[in-house]
Amino acid sequence: MSEAPHAPARQPSVLLIVSICLNIALIALIAIAMTRVGARHFEPHERKGGLSAQAVMRAAPAEESKIRAIIEEHRPRLRQLRGEAMRARAESYRLLTASDFNAQDYANSLAAVQAADAALEREVTEMAAQSVATLTPAERADFAKTVKRPDKKWLRRLMRGR
């Protein structure tokens, strides 16, 4: 009796193995990037003038725990205000691109964007002020020396925009 020829065992292709390895490496890189970024995009970013809670914390490491507590206290409100600002911008964009564009509605939406931005800026400034208030007079004097002050070019650009 003759045996039927049986199919040769399939060997995984080198290309398939390389592809799987690259995908695993890519997933690892994405995971590393996500852990490094974390929730920092919700944190208040240091402004050009250097007056932020993070700048105060770097200048006075001894007060880090107090300043972190202040940041944690403000975090929910900052998230809420950022969300409101994003929604106001989205609404403004929606009105701008609507087929039945109404200039008055658009102007009102721009006012809402400005109000949302002002509220966010107020909260960030309040957080920075509370952070500076935790410093001793000596730490405050040292911090004042290290604060990045806007240069004249920055001020001229600001004034030109008005």
N, C-alpha and C. Protein backbone atom coordinates (compact mmCIF):
# COMPACT_ATOMS: atom_id res chain seq x y z
N MET A 1 0.80 -1.15 0.00
CA MET A 1 0.00 0.00 0.00
C MET A 1 0.86 1.24 0.00
N SER A 2 0.52 2.09 -0.85
CA SER A 2 1.34 3.30 -0.91
C SER A 2 0.70 4.37 -0.06
N GLU A 3 1.55 5.07 0.60
CA GLU A 3 1.04 6.14 1.45
C GLU A 3 0.83 7.37 0.61
N ALA A 4 -0.22 8.08 0.98
CA ALA A 4 -0.49 9.34 0.27
C ALA A 4 0.57 10.35 0.68
N PRO A 5 1.04 11.11 -0.28
CA PRO A 5 2.05 12.10 0.10
C PRO A 5 1.44 13.12 1.06
N HIS A 6 2.10 13.28 2.12
CA HIS A 6 1.51 14.25 3.04
C HIS A 6 2.22 15.60 2.88
N ALA A 7 1.45 16.63 3.22
CA ALA A 7 1.93 17.98 2.99
C ALA A 7 3.13 18.26 3.87
N PRO A 8 4.10 18.95 3.34
CA PRO A 8 5.27 19.27 4.14
C PRO A 8 4.88 20.21 5.29
N ALA A 9 5.57 20.07 6.39
CA ALA A 9 5.27 20.94 7.54
C ALA A 9 5.57 22.38 7.14
N ARG A 10 4.65 23.23 7.50
CA ARG A 10 4.81 24.64 7.13
C ARG A 10 5.77 25.32 8.10
N GLN A 11 6.72 25.97 7.57
CA GLN A 11 7.67 26.74 8.36
C GLN A 11 7.19 28.19 8.41
N PRO A 12 7.22 28.80 9.61
CA PRO A 12 6.82 30.20 9.65
C PRO A 12 7.79 31.03 8.82
N SER A 13 7.26 31.90 8.10
CA SER A 13 8.09 32.71 7.23
C SER A 13 8.88 33.72 8.05
N VAL A 14 10.06 34.00 7.61
CA VAL A 14 10.93 34.96 8.29
C VAL A 14 10.26 36.33 8.31
N LEU A 15 9.59 36.67 7.24
CA LEU A 15 8.91 37.95 7.16
C LEU A 15 7.83 38.07 8.23
N LEU A 16 7.09 37.01 8.46
CA LEU A 16 6.06 37.01 9.48
C LEU A 16 6.66 37.19 10.87
N ILE A 17 7.75 36.52 11.15
CA ILE A 17 8.42 36.62 12.45
C ILE A 17 8.93 38.04 12.67
N VAL A 18 9.57 38.61 11.65
CA VAL A 18 10.08 39.98 11.76
C VAL A 18 8.93 40.96 11.99
N SER A 19 7.84 40.77 11.29
CA SER A 19 6.68 41.64 11.44
C SER A 19 6.12 41.58 12.86
N ILE A 20 6.01 40.40 13.40
CA ILE A 20 5.50 40.25 14.77
C ILE A 20 6.44 40.92 15.76
N CYS A 21 7.74 40.74 15.59
CA CYS A 21 8.72 41.37 16.49
C CYS A 21 8.63 42.88 16.42
N LEU A 22 8.50 43.42 15.22
CA LEU A 22 8.38 44.87 15.08
C LEU A 22 7.10 45.40 15.72
N ASN A 23 6.01 44.66 15.58
CA ASN A 23 4.76 45.08 16.22
C ASN A 23 4.88 45.07 17.74
N ILE A 24 5.53 44.07 18.28
CA ILE A 24 5.73 44.01 19.73
C ILE A 24 6.60 45.18 20.19
N ALA A 25 7.65 45.48 19.43
CA ALA A 25 8.52 46.61 19.78
C ALA A 25 7.75 47.93 19.70
N LEU A 26 6.90 48.06 18.70
CA LEU A 26 6.11 49.28 18.56
C LEU A 26 5.13 49.44 19.72
N ILE A 27 4.50 48.36 20.13
CA ILE A 27 3.59 48.40 21.27
C ILE A 27 4.35 48.80 22.53
N ALA A 28 5.56 48.27 22.70
CA ALA A 28 6.37 48.63 23.87
C ALA A 28 6.73 50.11 23.84
N LEU A 29 7.10 50.64 22.68
CA LEU A 29 7.43 52.06 22.57
C LEU A 29 6.23 52.94 22.88
N ILE A 30 5.06 52.55 22.41
CA ILE A 30 3.84 53.32 22.70
C ILE A 30 3.54 53.28 24.19
N ALA A 31 3.70 52.12 24.81
CA ALA A 31 3.45 52.01 26.25
C ALA A 31 4.42 52.88 27.04
N ILE A 32 5.68 52.91 26.64
CA ILE A 32 6.67 53.74 27.32
C ILE A 32 6.31 55.22 27.16
N ALA A 33 5.94 55.61 25.96
CA ALA A 33 5.57 57.01 25.73
C ALA A 33 4.35 57.39 26.55
N MET A 34 3.37 56.51 26.64
CA MET A 34 2.16 56.82 27.41
C MET A 34 2.46 56.94 28.90
N THR A 35 3.35 56.10 29.41
CA THR A 35 3.66 56.20 30.84
C THR A 35 4.47 57.45 31.14
N ARG A 36 5.31 57.87 30.20
CA ARG A 36 6.08 59.10 30.42
C ARG A 36 5.19 60.32 30.36
N VAL A 37 4.25 60.34 29.44
CA VAL A 37 3.36 61.49 29.31
C VAL A 37 2.35 61.47 30.45
N GLY A 38 1.75 60.32 30.70
CA GLY A 38 0.78 60.20 31.78
C GLY A 38 -0.30 61.24 31.68
N ALA A 39 -0.61 61.87 32.81
CA ALA A 39 -1.66 62.89 32.86
C ALA A 39 -1.08 64.29 32.82
N ARG A 40 0.18 64.41 32.38
CA ARG A 40 0.81 65.72 32.38
C ARG A 40 0.12 66.70 31.45
N HIS A 41 -0.57 66.23 30.41
CA HIS A 41 -1.22 67.17 29.53
C HIS A 41 -2.37 67.88 30.23
N PHE A 42 -2.79 67.39 31.40
CA PHE A 42 -3.81 68.08 32.18
C PHE A 42 -3.20 69.06 33.17
N GLU A 43 -1.89 68.97 33.36
CA GLU A 43 -1.22 69.86 34.30
C GLU A 43 -1.12 71.25 33.71
N PRO A 44 -1.11 72.25 34.55
CA PRO A 44 -0.88 73.59 34.04
C PRO A 44 0.57 73.69 33.56
N HIS A 45 0.75 74.21 32.39
CA HIS A 45 2.08 74.32 31.83
C HIS A 45 2.72 75.62 32.26
N GLU A 46 4.04 75.58 32.37
CA GLU A 46 4.76 76.78 32.77
C GLU A 46 4.60 77.84 31.68
N ARG A 47 4.21 79.03 32.10
CA ARG A 47 4.00 80.09 31.15
C ARG A 47 5.32 80.77 30.82
N LYS A 48 5.31 81.64 29.82
CA LYS A 48 6.53 82.30 29.38
C LYS A 48 7.20 83.07 30.49
N GLY A 49 6.44 83.69 31.36
CA GLY A 49 7.02 84.49 32.41
C GLY A 49 7.66 83.66 33.51
N GLY A 50 7.42 82.36 33.54
CA GLY A 50 8.02 81.50 34.53
C GLY A 50 7.29 81.49 35.87
N LEU A 51 6.14 82.09 35.94
CA LEU A 51 5.39 82.11 37.20
C LEU A 51 4.35 81.00 37.17
N SER A 52 4.76 79.83 37.61
CA SER A 52 3.85 78.71 37.69
C SER A 52 4.16 77.94 38.95
N ALA A 53 3.23 77.10 39.36
CA ALA A 53 3.44 76.28 40.54
C ALA A 53 4.66 75.37 40.35
N GLN A 54 4.85 74.84 39.14
CA GLN A 54 5.99 73.98 38.88
C GLN A 54 7.31 74.74 39.03
N ALA A 55 7.34 75.99 38.55
CA ALA A 55 8.56 76.80 38.66
C ALA A 55 8.87 77.08 40.13
N VAL A 56 7.83 77.35 40.92
CA VAL A 56 8.02 77.59 42.35
C VAL A 56 8.54 76.33 43.01
N MET A 57 7.99 75.19 42.63
CA MET A 57 8.39 73.91 43.22
C MET A 57 9.86 73.60 42.89
N ARG A 58 10.29 73.89 41.65
CA ARG A 58 11.68 73.67 41.28
C ARG A 58 12.61 74.61 42.04
N ALA A 59 12.15 75.83 42.28
CA ALA A 59 12.99 76.81 42.97
C ALA A 59 13.10 76.52 44.47
N ALA A 60 12.08 75.90 45.04
CA ALA A 60 12.08 75.64 46.48
C ALA A 60 11.70 74.18 46.73
N PRO A 61 12.62 73.25 46.51
CA PRO A 61 12.32 71.82 46.68
C PRO A 61 11.84 71.48 48.09
N ALA A 62 12.20 72.27 49.09
CA ALA A 62 11.78 71.99 50.46
C ALA A 62 10.27 72.12 50.62
N GLU A 63 9.65 72.90 49.76
CA GLU A 63 8.20 73.13 49.85
C GLU A 63 7.42 72.28 48.85
N GLU A 64 8.07 71.29 48.26
CA GLU A 64 7.44 70.50 47.21
C GLU A 64 6.13 69.85 47.66
N SER A 65 6.09 69.29 48.85
CA SER A 65 4.87 68.60 49.29
C SER A 65 3.71 69.58 49.43
N LYS A 66 3.98 70.77 49.94
CA LYS A 66 2.91 71.78 50.09
C LYS A 66 2.40 72.23 48.71
N ILE A 67 3.35 72.44 47.80
CA ILE A 67 2.96 72.92 46.47
C ILE A 67 2.23 71.83 45.70
N ARG A 68 2.68 70.59 45.85
CA ARG A 68 1.94 69.47 45.21
C ARG A 68 0.51 69.40 45.73
N ALA A 69 0.32 69.64 47.01
CA ALA A 69 -1.03 69.63 47.59
C ALA A 69 -1.87 70.75 46.97
N ILE A 70 -1.26 71.91 46.74
CA ILE A 70 -1.98 73.02 46.11
C ILE A 70 -2.36 72.64 44.68
N ILE A 71 -1.43 72.02 43.95
CA ILE A 71 -1.72 71.59 42.58
C ILE A 71 -2.86 70.58 42.57
N GLU A 72 -2.80 69.61 43.48
CA GLU A 72 -3.86 68.60 43.55
C GLU A 72 -5.21 69.23 43.88
N GLU A 73 -5.19 70.25 44.71
CA GLU A 73 -6.43 70.95 45.06
C GLU A 73 -7.04 71.65 43.85
N HIS A 74 -6.20 72.18 42.99
CA HIS A 74 -6.67 72.94 41.82
C HIS A 74 -6.93 72.06 40.61
N ARG A 75 -6.39 70.84 40.60
CA ARG A 75 -6.49 69.99 39.41
C ARG A 75 -7.92 69.76 38.91
N PRO A 76 -8.89 69.42 39.76
CA PRO A 76 -10.25 69.20 39.22
C PRO A 76 -10.82 70.46 38.56
N ARG A 77 -10.60 71.61 39.17
CA ARG A 77 -11.12 72.86 38.60
C ARG A 77 -10.40 73.18 37.29
N LEU A 78 -9.10 72.93 37.22
CA LEU A 78 -8.37 73.17 35.98
C LEU A 78 -8.88 72.28 34.85
N ARG A 79 -9.13 71.02 35.17
CA ARG A 79 -9.68 70.11 34.14
C ARG A 79 -11.03 70.60 33.66
N GLN A 80 -11.86 71.03 34.61
CA GLN A 80 -13.19 71.53 34.25
C GLN A 80 -13.05 72.77 33.36
N LEU A 81 -12.19 73.70 33.74
CA LEU A 81 -12.03 74.93 32.96
C LEU A 81 -11.43 74.66 31.59
N ARG A 82 -10.49 73.72 31.50
CA ARG A 82 -9.93 73.36 30.19
C ARG A 82 -11.01 72.75 29.31
N GLY A 83 -11.84 71.91 29.89
CA GLY A 83 -12.94 71.32 29.12
C GLY A 83 -13.90 72.38 28.62
N GLU A 84 -14.23 73.34 29.47
CA GLU A 84 -15.12 74.43 29.06
C GLU A 84 -14.49 75.25 27.94
N ALA A 85 -13.20 75.52 28.04
CA ALA A 85 -12.52 76.28 26.99
C ALA A 85 -12.52 75.50 25.68
N MET A 86 -12.28 74.19 25.74
CA MET A 86 -12.29 73.38 24.52
C MET A 86 -13.69 73.33 23.91
N ARG A 87 -14.70 73.18 24.76
CA ARG A 87 -16.08 73.16 24.25
C ARG A 87 -16.45 74.51 23.63
N ALA A 88 -16.03 75.60 24.26
CA ALA A 88 -16.32 76.93 23.70
C ALA A 88 -15.65 77.10 22.34
N ARG A 89 -14.42 76.62 22.21
CA ARG A 89 -13.73 76.71 20.92
C ARG A 89 -14.42 75.84 19.87
N ALA A 90 -14.84 74.65 20.28
CA ALA A 90 -15.52 73.75 19.33
C ALA A 90 -16.82 74.38 18.86
N GLU A 91 -17.55 75.00 19.76
CA GLU A 91 -18.81 75.66 19.39
C GLU A 91 -18.53 76.83 18.45
N SER A 92 -17.49 77.58 18.74
CA SER A 92 -17.12 78.70 17.88
C SER A 92 -16.77 78.21 16.47
N TYR A 93 -16.01 77.13 16.41
CA TYR A 93 -15.65 76.56 15.12
C TYR A 93 -16.90 76.04 14.40
N ARG A 94 -17.79 75.40 15.14
CA ARG A 94 -19.02 74.90 14.52
C ARG A 94 -19.82 76.05 13.92
N LEU A 95 -19.94 77.14 14.65
CA LEU A 95 -20.69 78.29 14.14
C LEU A 95 -19.99 78.92 12.94
N LEU A 96 -18.67 78.95 12.96
CA LEU A 96 -17.92 79.54 11.87
C LEU A 96 -18.07 78.74 10.58
N THR A 97 -18.19 77.43 10.71
CA THR A 97 -18.28 76.57 9.52
C THR A 97 -19.71 76.18 9.17
N ALA A 98 -20.68 76.72 9.89
CA ALA A 98 -22.08 76.38 9.62
C ALA A 98 -22.53 76.98 8.29
N SER A 99 -23.41 76.27 7.61
CA SER A 99 -23.91 76.76 6.32
C SER A 99 -24.79 78.00 6.52
N ASP A 100 -25.42 78.12 7.68
CA ASP A 100 -26.26 79.29 7.97
C ASP A 100 -25.53 80.21 8.96
N PHE A 101 -24.33 80.66 8.58
CA PHE A 101 -23.48 81.48 9.43
C PHE A 101 -24.21 82.74 9.90
N ASN A 102 -24.12 82.98 11.22
CA ASN A 102 -24.71 84.18 11.80
C ASN A 102 -23.60 84.91 12.55
N ALA A 103 -23.29 86.12 12.12
CA ALA A 103 -22.17 86.88 12.68
C ALA A 103 -22.37 87.16 14.17
N GLN A 104 -23.59 87.42 14.58
CA GLN A 104 -23.84 87.73 15.99
C GLN A 104 -23.64 86.49 16.87
N ASP A 105 -24.12 85.35 16.41
CA ASP A 105 -23.89 84.12 17.17
C ASP A 105 -22.40 83.81 17.27
N TYR A 106 -21.68 84.03 16.17
CA TYR A 106 -20.24 83.79 16.18
C TYR A 106 -19.54 84.74 17.15
N ALA A 107 -19.93 86.01 17.15
CA ALA A 107 -19.33 86.98 18.08
C ALA A 107 -19.61 86.57 19.52
N ASN A 108 -20.81 86.08 19.80
CA ASN A 108 -21.13 85.61 21.14
C ASN A 108 -20.28 84.41 21.52
N SER A 109 -20.03 83.52 20.56
CA SER A 109 -19.21 82.34 20.85
C SER A 109 -17.76 82.75 21.12
N LEU A 110 -17.28 83.76 20.42
CA LEU A 110 -15.92 84.25 20.68
C LEU A 110 -15.83 84.86 22.08
N ALA A 111 -16.87 85.53 22.50
CA ALA A 111 -16.90 86.08 23.86
C ALA A 111 -16.87 84.94 24.88
N ALA A 112 -17.55 83.85 24.58
CA ALA A 112 -17.53 82.69 25.48
C ALA A 112 -16.13 82.07 25.53
N VAL A 113 -15.42 82.03 24.40
CA VAL A 113 -14.05 81.53 24.38
C VAL A 113 -13.17 82.41 25.25
N GLN A 114 -13.29 83.71 25.10
CA GLN A 114 -12.49 84.64 25.90
C GLN A 114 -12.78 84.50 27.39
N ALA A 115 -14.04 84.34 27.73
CA ALA A 115 -14.41 84.17 29.15
C ALA A 115 -13.84 82.87 29.70
N ALA A 116 -13.90 81.80 28.92
CA ALA A 116 -13.36 80.52 29.37
C ALA A 116 -11.84 80.60 29.53
N ASP A 117 -11.17 81.25 28.60
CA ASP A 117 -9.71 81.41 28.71
C ASP A 117 -9.35 82.26 29.93
N ALA A 118 -10.12 83.32 30.17
CA ALA A 118 -9.84 84.18 31.33
C ALA A 118 -10.04 83.42 32.63
N ALA A 119 -11.06 82.59 32.71
CA ALA A 119 -11.29 81.81 33.93
C ALA A 119 -10.16 80.82 34.16
N LEU A 120 -9.69 80.19 33.10
CA LEU A 120 -8.57 79.26 33.21
C LEU A 120 -7.30 79.99 33.65
N GLU A 121 -7.04 81.13 33.06
CA GLU A 121 -5.86 81.90 33.43
C GLU A 121 -5.94 82.36 34.89
N ARG A 122 -7.12 82.74 35.33
CA ARG A 122 -7.32 83.15 36.73
C ARG A 122 -6.99 82.01 37.68
N GLU A 123 -7.44 80.82 37.34
CA GLU A 123 -7.20 79.65 38.20
C GLU A 123 -5.71 79.31 38.26
N VAL A 124 -5.03 79.36 37.11
CA VAL A 124 -3.60 79.06 37.07
C VAL A 124 -2.83 80.11 37.87
N THR A 125 -3.21 81.36 37.72
CA THR A 125 -2.55 82.44 38.46
C THR A 125 -2.79 82.32 39.95
N GLU A 126 -3.99 81.95 40.33
CA GLU A 126 -4.30 81.75 41.75
C GLU A 126 -3.46 80.60 42.32
N MET A 127 -3.31 79.54 41.55
CA MET A 127 -2.50 78.41 42.00
C MET A 127 -1.04 78.84 42.18
N ALA A 128 -0.52 79.64 41.25
CA ALA A 128 0.86 80.12 41.37
C ALA A 128 0.99 81.03 42.59
N ALA A 129 0.01 81.89 42.83
CA ALA A 129 0.07 82.79 43.98
C ALA A 129 0.05 82.00 45.29
N GLN A 130 -0.79 80.98 45.36
CA GLN A 130 -0.82 80.15 46.57
C GLN A 130 0.51 79.42 46.76
N SER A 131 1.13 79.01 45.66
CA SER A 131 2.42 78.33 45.74
C SER A 131 3.50 79.27 46.24
N VAL A 132 3.52 80.49 45.75
CA VAL A 132 4.51 81.47 46.20
C VAL A 132 4.28 81.80 47.67
N ALA A 133 3.03 81.81 48.11
CA ALA A 133 2.72 82.13 49.50
C ALA A 133 3.26 81.08 50.48
N THR A 134 3.55 79.88 50.00
CA THR A 134 4.10 78.84 50.89
C THR A 134 5.58 79.06 51.18
N LEU A 135 6.24 79.91 50.40
CA LEU A 135 7.67 80.11 50.56
C LEU A 135 7.99 81.02 51.75
N THR A 136 9.13 80.79 52.32
CA THR A 136 9.62 81.68 53.37
C THR A 136 10.11 82.96 52.68
N PRO A 137 10.28 84.04 53.43
CA PRO A 137 10.79 85.28 52.79
C PRO A 137 12.12 85.07 52.07
N ALA A 138 13.01 84.28 52.62
CA ALA A 138 14.30 84.03 51.96
C ALA A 138 14.10 83.23 50.67
N GLU A 139 13.24 82.21 50.71
CA GLU A 139 12.96 81.42 49.50
C GLU A 139 12.29 82.29 48.45
N ARG A 140 11.40 83.17 48.89
CA ARG A 140 10.71 84.06 47.96
C ARG A 140 11.70 85.00 47.28
N ALA A 141 12.67 85.50 48.04
CA ALA A 141 13.69 86.38 47.47
C ALA A 141 14.55 85.62 46.45
N ASP A 142 14.91 84.39 46.77
CA ASP A 142 15.69 83.57 45.82
C ASP A 142 14.87 83.27 44.57
N PHE A 143 13.60 82.97 44.77
CA PHE A 143 12.73 82.67 43.64
C PHE A 143 12.59 83.89 42.74
N ALA A 144 12.44 85.06 43.33
CA ALA A 144 12.29 86.29 42.55
C ALA A 144 13.51 86.53 41.65
N LYS A 145 14.68 86.10 42.10
CA LYS A 145 15.89 86.26 41.30
C LYS A 145 15.91 85.31 40.10
N THR A 146 15.25 84.15 40.23
CA THR A 146 15.32 83.14 39.18
C THR A 146 14.17 83.20 38.19
N VAL A 147 13.14 83.99 38.49
CA VAL A 147 11.97 84.03 37.61
C VAL A 147 12.36 84.61 36.25
N LYS A 148 11.92 83.93 35.22
CA LYS A 148 12.16 84.42 33.86
C LYS A 148 11.21 85.58 33.62
N ARG A 149 11.77 86.71 33.40
CA ARG A 149 10.94 87.87 33.11
C ARG A 149 10.85 88.05 31.60
N PRO A 150 9.69 88.47 31.13
CA PRO A 150 9.56 88.69 29.69
C PRO A 150 10.51 89.79 29.24
N ASP A 151 11.14 89.59 28.10
CA ASP A 151 12.03 90.62 27.60
C ASP A 151 11.22 91.67 26.84
N LYS A 152 11.90 92.71 26.38
CA LYS A 152 11.21 93.80 25.69
C LYS A 152 10.58 93.34 24.38
N LYS A 153 11.20 92.37 23.71
CA LYS A 153 10.64 91.86 22.46
C LYS A 153 9.28 91.24 22.72
N TRP A 154 9.18 90.48 23.79
CA TRP A 154 7.92 89.83 24.13
C TRP A 154 6.86 90.88 24.41
N LEU A 155 7.23 91.93 25.14
CA LEU A 155 6.29 93.00 25.47
C LEU A 155 5.85 93.74 24.21
N ARG A 156 6.78 94.00 23.28
CA ARG A 156 6.40 94.68 22.03
C ARG A 156 5.44 93.82 21.22
N ARG A 157 5.69 92.51 21.16
CA ARG A 157 4.77 91.62 20.43
C ARG A 157 3.39 91.65 21.06
N LEU A 158 3.37 91.66 22.39
CA LEU A 158 2.09 91.70 23.10
C LEU A 158 1.35 92.98 22.78
N MET A 159 2.04 94.10 22.80
CA MET A 159 1.40 95.39 22.57
C MET A 159 0.97 95.56 21.11
N ARG A 160 1.71 94.97 20.17
CA ARG A 160 1.32 95.04 18.77
C ARG A 160 0.02 94.31 18.51
N GLY A 161 -0.22 93.25 19.29
CA GLY A 161 -1.42 92.45 19.09
C GLY A 161 -2.68 93.17 19.52
N ARG A 162 -2.57 94.24 20.24
CA ARG A 162 -3.75 94.96 20.74
C ARG A 162 -4.16 96.05 19.82
